[in-house]
Amino acid sequence: MFYANLKGHVEALLFINGDPVPAGQLAEILNVDKVNIEEIVTQLKEDMDTSERGLTIIKVAGGYQLCTKPELAAIVEKMAQVLDNKLSVPAMETLSIIAFKQPITKQEIENIRGVRVDRVLMKLIDRLLVKELGRKKVIGRPILYGTTEEFLKCFGLDNIEDLPLLPDAVYTE
């Protein structure tokens, strides 16, 4: 491949950024076609996956991200001494409702959950998992909420369509 010498460049760009980098942005920086970037990333991922390296490349949130191989997560956690930063059950329930029903208003979330969600919703916004998408065009113009790119990264999704399908019993409106 003509651009094989750019594998190191792509790897360095993914490493330094930390967040997912779209193929178009890599192409622009390296002054090559997006198709060639995708081929370089594929080859680089294959190189990493077939060797005894600790990193791999995943496609997430519309871009490519350099990350630790899943089988090494336990050892990395020991090194980082990760603090327990899990979401509570009410936060996960609320986040799930927003993810599957977005755009959705606070009132609609509360109707589904049967409890107030003010504090939980603020916590999800503070953690950058949920954001305001605009206002619903009804009386009172309530705020519409949806998930963020950070949500996609946290859950390893490339886009919101990658969410699993809900069972038919859940689709009662």
C-alpha atoms as a PDB file:
ATOM      1  CA  MET A   1       0.000   0.000   0.000  1.00  0.00           C
ATOM      2  CA  PHE A   2       1.289   3.425  -0.982  1.00  0.00           C
ATOM      3  CA  TYR A   3       0.484   5.085   2.361  1.00  0.00           C
ATOM      4  CA  ALA A   4       1.851   2.274   4.598  1.00  0.00           C
ATOM      5  CA  ASN A   5       4.443   4.710   5.919  1.00  0.00           C
ATOM      6  CA  LEU A   6       1.588   6.714   7.503  1.00  0.00           C
ATOM      7  CA  LYS A   7       0.583   3.974   9.980  1.00  0.00           C
ATOM      8  CA  GLY A   8       2.830   5.477  12.617  1.00  0.00           C
ATOM      9  CA  HIS A   9       1.383   8.919  11.947  1.00  0.00           C
ATOM     10  CA  VAL A  10      -2.186   7.654  12.410  1.00  0.00           C
ATOM     11  CA  GLU A  11      -1.219   5.773  15.564  1.00  0.00           C
ATOM     12  CA  ALA A  12       0.437   8.882  17.010  1.00  0.00           C
ATOM     13  CA  LEU A  13      -2.573  11.085  16.191  1.00  0.00           C
ATOM     14  CA  LEU A  14      -4.983   8.624  17.819  1.00  0.00           C
ATOM     15  CA  PHE A  15      -2.713   8.337  20.855  1.00  0.00           C
ATOM     16  CA  ILE A  16      -2.272  12.049  21.395  1.00  0.00           C
ATOM     17  CA  ASN A  17      -5.979  12.849  20.981  1.00  0.00           C
ATOM     18  CA  GLY A  18      -7.379  10.235  23.341  1.00  0.00           C
ATOM     19  CA  ASP A  19     -10.916  10.817  22.077  1.00  0.00           C
ATOM     20  CA  PRO A  20     -12.338   9.290  18.889  1.00  0.00           C
ATOM     21  CA  VAL A  21     -11.001  10.987  15.756  1.00  0.00           C
ATOM     22  CA  PRO A  22     -13.142  10.933  12.585  1.00  0.00           C
ATOM     23  CA  ALA A  23     -11.488   9.515   9.453  1.00  0.00           C
ATOM     24  CA  GLY A  24     -12.130  12.834   7.698  1.00  0.00           C
ATOM     25  CA  GLN A  25     -10.113  14.715  10.293  1.00  0.00           C
ATOM     26  CA  LEU A  26      -7.203  12.257  10.028  1.00  0.00           C
ATOM     27  CA  ALA A  27      -7.352  12.560   6.230  1.00  0.00           C
ATOM     28  CA  GLU A  28      -7.258  16.339   6.439  1.00  0.00           C
ATOM     29  CA  ILE A  29      -4.296  16.388   8.840  1.00  0.00           C
ATOM     30  CA  LEU A  30      -2.286  13.866   6.808  1.00  0.00           C
ATOM     31  CA  ASN A  31      -3.416  15.250   3.444  1.00  0.00           C
ATOM     32  CA  VAL A  32      -4.671  11.915   2.077  1.00  0.00           C
ATOM     33  CA  ASP A  33      -8.041  10.562   0.970  1.00  0.00           C
ATOM     34  CA  LYS A  34     -10.515   9.386   3.624  1.00  0.00           C
ATOM     35  CA  VAL A  35     -10.690   5.963   1.922  1.00  0.00           C
ATOM     36  CA  ASN A  36      -6.926   5.590   2.323  1.00  0.00           C
ATOM     37  CA  ILE A  37      -7.159   6.587   5.990  1.00  0.00           C
ATOM     38  CA  GLU A  38      -9.776   3.898   6.585  1.00  0.00           C
ATOM     39  CA  GLU A  39      -7.499   1.348   4.906  1.00  0.00           C
ATOM     40  CA  ILE A  40      -4.525   2.485   7.015  1.00  0.00           C
ATOM     41  CA  VAL A  41      -6.604   2.217  10.201  1.00  0.00           C
ATOM     42  CA  THR A  42      -7.780  -1.279   9.211  1.00  0.00           C
ATOM     43  CA  GLN A  43      -4.208  -2.423   8.602  1.00  0.00           C
ATOM     44  CA  LEU A  44      -2.981  -0.805  11.806  1.00  0.00           C
ATOM     45  CA  LYS A  45      -5.767  -2.508  13.792  1.00  0.00           C
ATOM     46  CA  GLU A  46      -4.882  -5.860  12.214  1.00  0.00           C
ATOM     47  CA  ASP A  47      -1.213  -5.335  13.113  1.00  0.00           C
ATOM     48  CA  MET A  48      -2.163  -4.563  16.709  1.00  0.00           C
ATOM     49  CA  ASP A  49      -4.609  -7.449  17.029  1.00  0.00           C
ATOM     50  CA  THR A  50      -2.204 -10.081  15.698  1.00  0.00           C
ATOM     51  CA  SER A  51       0.755  -9.032  17.835  1.00  0.00           C
ATOM     52  CA  GLU A  52       1.267  -9.165  21.571  1.00  0.00           C
ATOM     53  CA  ARG A  53       0.508  -5.471  21.908  1.00  0.00           C
ATOM     54  CA  GLY A  54      -1.661  -4.007  24.629  1.00  0.00           C
ATOM     55  CA  LEU A  55      -3.569  -1.570  22.435  1.00  0.00           C
ATOM     56  CA  THR A  56      -6.138  -1.804  19.691  1.00  0.00           C
ATOM     57  CA  ILE A  57      -8.240   0.578  17.619  1.00  0.00           C
ATOM     58  CA  ILE A  58     -12.013   0.683  17.915  1.00  0.00           C
ATOM     59  CA  LYS A  59     -14.606   2.573  15.900  1.00  0.00           C
ATOM     60  CA  VAL A  60     -16.722   4.563  18.323  1.00  0.00           C
ATOM     61  CA  ALA A  61     -18.776   7.783  18.276  1.00  0.00           C
ATOM     62  CA  GLY A  62     -18.156   8.280  14.551  1.00  0.00           C
ATOM     63  CA  GLY A  63     -14.373   8.063  14.773  1.00  0.00           C
ATOM     64  CA  TYR A  64     -11.414   5.868  15.618  1.00  0.00           C
ATOM     65  CA  GLN A  65      -9.971   5.571  19.107  1.00  0.00           C
ATOM     66  CA  LEU A  66      -6.825   3.946  20.410  1.00  0.00           C
ATOM     67  CA  CYS A  67      -7.624   1.962  23.541  1.00  0.00           C
ATOM     68  CA  THR A  68      -6.460  -0.861  25.763  1.00  0.00           C
ATOM     69  CA  LYS A  69      -7.379  -4.381  24.689  1.00  0.00           C
ATOM     70  CA  PRO A  70     -10.355  -5.590  26.755  1.00  0.00           C
ATOM     71  CA  GLU A  71      -8.454  -8.605  28.102  1.00  0.00           C
ATOM     72  CA  LEU A  72      -5.987  -6.236  29.806  1.00  0.00           C
ATOM     73  CA  ALA A  73      -8.614  -4.156  31.610  1.00  0.00           C
ATOM     74  CA  ALA A  74      -8.002  -5.795  34.998  1.00  0.00           C
ATOM     75  CA  ILE A  75      -4.289  -4.984  35.025  1.00  0.00           C
ATOM     76  CA  VAL A  76      -4.888  -1.425  33.852  1.00  0.00           C
ATOM     77  CA  GLU A  77      -7.455  -0.910  36.620  1.00  0.00           C
ATOM     78  CA  LYS A  78      -4.885  -2.015  39.186  1.00  0.00           C
ATOM     79  CA  MET A  79      -2.398   0.526  37.859  1.00  0.00           C
ATOM     80  CA  ALA A  80      -4.879   3.361  37.703  1.00  0.00           C
ATOM     81  CA  GLN A  81      -6.570   2.456  41.012  1.00  0.00           C
ATOM     82  CA  VAL A  82      -9.820   3.512  39.408  1.00  0.00           C
ATOM     83  CA  LEU A  83     -12.329   5.088  41.763  1.00  0.00           C
ATOM     84  CA  ASP A  84     -15.771   3.558  41.755  1.00  0.00           C
ATOM     85  CA  ASN A  85     -17.647   6.018  39.582  1.00  0.00           C
ATOM     86  CA  LYS A  86     -20.665   3.937  38.639  1.00  0.00           C
ATOM     87  CA  LEU A  87     -24.118   5.290  37.978  1.00  0.00           C
ATOM     88  CA  SER A  88     -26.870   4.517  40.460  1.00  0.00           C
ATOM     89  CA  VAL A  89     -29.788   2.303  39.449  1.00  0.00           C
ATOM     90  CA  PRO A  90     -32.139   5.313  39.126  1.00  0.00           C
ATOM     91  CA  ALA A  91     -29.534   7.097  36.963  1.00  0.00           C
ATOM     92  CA  MET A  92     -29.143   4.033  34.720  1.00  0.00           C
ATOM     93  CA  GLU A  93     -32.924   3.691  34.402  1.00  0.00           C
ATOM     94  CA  THR A  94     -33.282   7.352  33.481  1.00  0.00           C
ATOM     95  CA  LEU A  95     -30.358   7.186  31.045  1.00  0.00           C
ATOM     96  CA  SER A  96     -31.851   4.098  29.401  1.00  0.00           C
ATOM     97  CA  ILE A  97     -35.202   5.817  28.947  1.00  0.00           C
ATOM     98  CA  ILE A  98     -33.520   8.854  27.403  1.00  0.00           C
ATOM     99  CA  ALA A  99     -31.325   6.724  25.121  1.00  0.00           C
ATOM    100  CA  PHE A 100     -34.191   4.658  23.743  1.00  0.00           C
ATOM    101  CA  LYS A 101     -36.908   7.342  23.617  1.00  0.00           C
ATOM    102  CA  GLN A 102     -34.941  10.483  22.679  1.00  0.00           C
ATOM    103  CA  PRO A 103     -35.794  13.233  22.185  1.00  0.00           C
ATOM    104  CA  ILE A 104     -37.826  13.130  25.390  1.00  0.00           C
ATOM    105  CA  THR A 105     -39.014  15.650  27.978  1.00  0.00           C
ATOM    106  CA  LYS A 106     -38.513  15.451  31.761  1.00  0.00           C
ATOM    107  CA  GLN A 107     -42.259  14.973  32.222  1.00  0.00           C
ATOM    108  CA  GLU A 108     -42.283  12.040  29.807  1.00  0.00           C
ATOM    109  CA  ILE A 109     -39.359  10.444  31.690  1.00  0.00           C
ATOM    110  CA  GLU A 110     -41.176  10.943  35.002  1.00  0.00           C
ATOM    111  CA  ASN A 111     -44.346   9.396  33.559  1.00  0.00           C
ATOM    112  CA  ILE A 112     -42.388   6.289  32.541  1.00  0.00           C
ATOM    113  CA  ARG A 113     -40.384   5.997  35.790  1.00  0.00           C
ATOM    114  CA  GLY A 114     -43.228   7.065  38.082  1.00  0.00           C
ATOM    115  CA  VAL A 115     -40.941   9.293  40.171  1.00  0.00           C
ATOM    116  CA  ARG A 116     -39.342  12.740  39.893  1.00  0.00           C
ATOM    117  CA  VAL A 117     -36.060  12.800  38.001  1.00  0.00           C
ATOM    118  CA  ASP A 118     -34.753  16.341  38.637  1.00  0.00           C
ATOM    119  CA  ARG A 119     -31.609  15.354  40.564  1.00  0.00           C
ATOM    120  CA  VAL A 120     -30.845  12.279  38.480  1.00  0.00           C
ATOM    121  CA  LEU A 121     -31.247  14.254  35.266  1.00  0.00           C
ATOM    122  CA  MET A 122     -28.892  16.975  36.532  1.00  0.00           C
ATOM    123  CA  LYS A 123     -26.320  14.301  37.478  1.00  0.00           C
ATOM    124  CA  LEU A 124     -26.494  12.825  33.955  1.00  0.00           C
ATOM    125  CA  ILE A 125     -26.076  16.297  32.445  1.00  0.00           C
ATOM    126  CA  ASP A 126     -23.129  17.012  34.775  1.00  0.00           C
ATOM    127  CA  ARG A 127     -21.477  13.775  33.659  1.00  0.00           C
ATOM    128  CA  LEU A 128     -21.993  14.863  30.028  1.00  0.00           C
ATOM    129  CA  LEU A 129     -24.078  11.769  29.228  1.00  0.00           C
ATOM    130  CA  VAL A 130     -27.252  13.758  28.505  1.00  0.00           C
ATOM    131  CA  LYS A 131     -27.814  17.162  26.946  1.00  0.00           C
ATOM    132  CA  GLU A 132     -30.619  19.499  26.039  1.00  0.00           C
ATOM    133  CA  LEU A 133     -31.638  19.057  22.397  1.00  0.00           C
ATOM    134  CA  GLY A 134     -34.081  21.936  22.143  1.00  0.00           C
ATOM    135  CA  ARG A 135     -37.707  22.515  23.024  1.00  0.00           C
ATOM    136  CA  LYS A 136     -40.800  20.498  22.210  1.00  0.00           C
ATOM    137  CA  LYS A 137     -43.306  22.404  20.099  1.00  0.00           C
ATOM    138  CA  VAL A 138     -46.227  22.125  22.518  1.00  0.00           C
ATOM    139  CA  ILE A 139     -47.741  24.406  25.147  1.00  0.00           C
ATOM    140  CA  GLY A 140     -45.109  25.321  27.720  1.00  0.00           C
ATOM    141  CA  ARG A 141     -42.258  24.396  25.328  1.00  0.00           C
ATOM    142  CA  PRO A 142     -40.616  21.788  27.628  1.00  0.00           C
ATOM    143  CA  ILE A 143     -36.931  20.963  27.149  1.00  0.00           C
ATOM    144  CA  LEU A 144     -36.107  17.892  25.082  1.00  0.00           C
ATOM    145  CA  TYR A 145     -33.245  15.670  26.267  1.00  0.00           C
ATOM    146  CA  GLY A 146     -31.021  13.232  24.416  1.00  0.00           C
ATOM    147  CA  THR A 147     -27.721  11.431  24.760  1.00  0.00           C
ATOM    148  CA  THR A 148     -24.301  12.871  23.938  1.00  0.00           C
ATOM    149  CA  GLU A 149     -21.154  11.755  22.169  1.00  0.00           C
ATOM    150  CA  GLU A 150     -19.732  11.051  25.644  1.00  0.00           C
ATOM    151  CA  PHE A 151     -22.593   8.565  26.135  1.00  0.00           C
ATOM    152  CA  LEU A 152     -21.567   6.816  22.916  1.00  0.00           C
ATOM    153  CA  LYS A 153     -17.951   6.639  24.074  1.00  0.00           C
ATOM    154  CA  CYS A 154     -18.863   5.343  27.540  1.00  0.00           C
ATOM    155  CA  PHE A 155     -20.992   2.563  26.124  1.00  0.00           C
ATOM    156  CA  GLY A 156     -18.731   1.751  23.155  1.00  0.00           C
ATOM    157  CA  LEU A 157     -21.287   2.689  20.513  1.00  0.00           C
ATOM    158  CA  ASP A 158     -20.475   4.147  17.115  1.00  0.00           C
ATOM    159  CA  ASN A 159     -23.892   5.784  16.867  1.00  0.00           C
ATOM    160  CA  ILE A 160     -27.254   5.645  18.623  1.00  0.00           C
ATOM    161  CA  GLU A 161     -28.595   3.128  16.096  1.00  0.00           C
ATOM    162  CA  ASP A 162     -26.154   0.578  17.601  1.00  0.00           C
ATOM    163  CA  LEU A 163     -28.330   0.315  20.724  1.00  0.00           C
ATOM    164  CA  PRO A 164     -29.923  -3.136  20.996  1.00  0.00           C
ATOM    165  CA  LEU A 165     -33.570  -3.468  20.054  1.00  0.00           C
ATOM    166  CA  LEU A 166     -36.040  -3.471  22.920  1.00  0.00           C
ATOM    167  CA  PRO A 167     -38.455  -6.392  23.339  1.00  0.00           C
ATOM    168  CA  ASP A 168     -41.903  -5.758  21.821  1.00  0.00           C
ATOM    169  CA  ALA A 169     -43.489  -5.561  25.300  1.00  0.00           C
ATOM    170  CA  VAL A 170     -41.528  -2.381  26.010  1.00  0.00           C
ATOM    171  CA  TYR A 171     -42.993  -0.488  23.033  1.00  0.00           C
ATOM    172  CA  THR A 172     -46.252   0.479  24.671  1.00  0.00           C
ATOM    173  CA  GLU A 173     -47.142   4.100  24.052  1.00  0.00           C
END
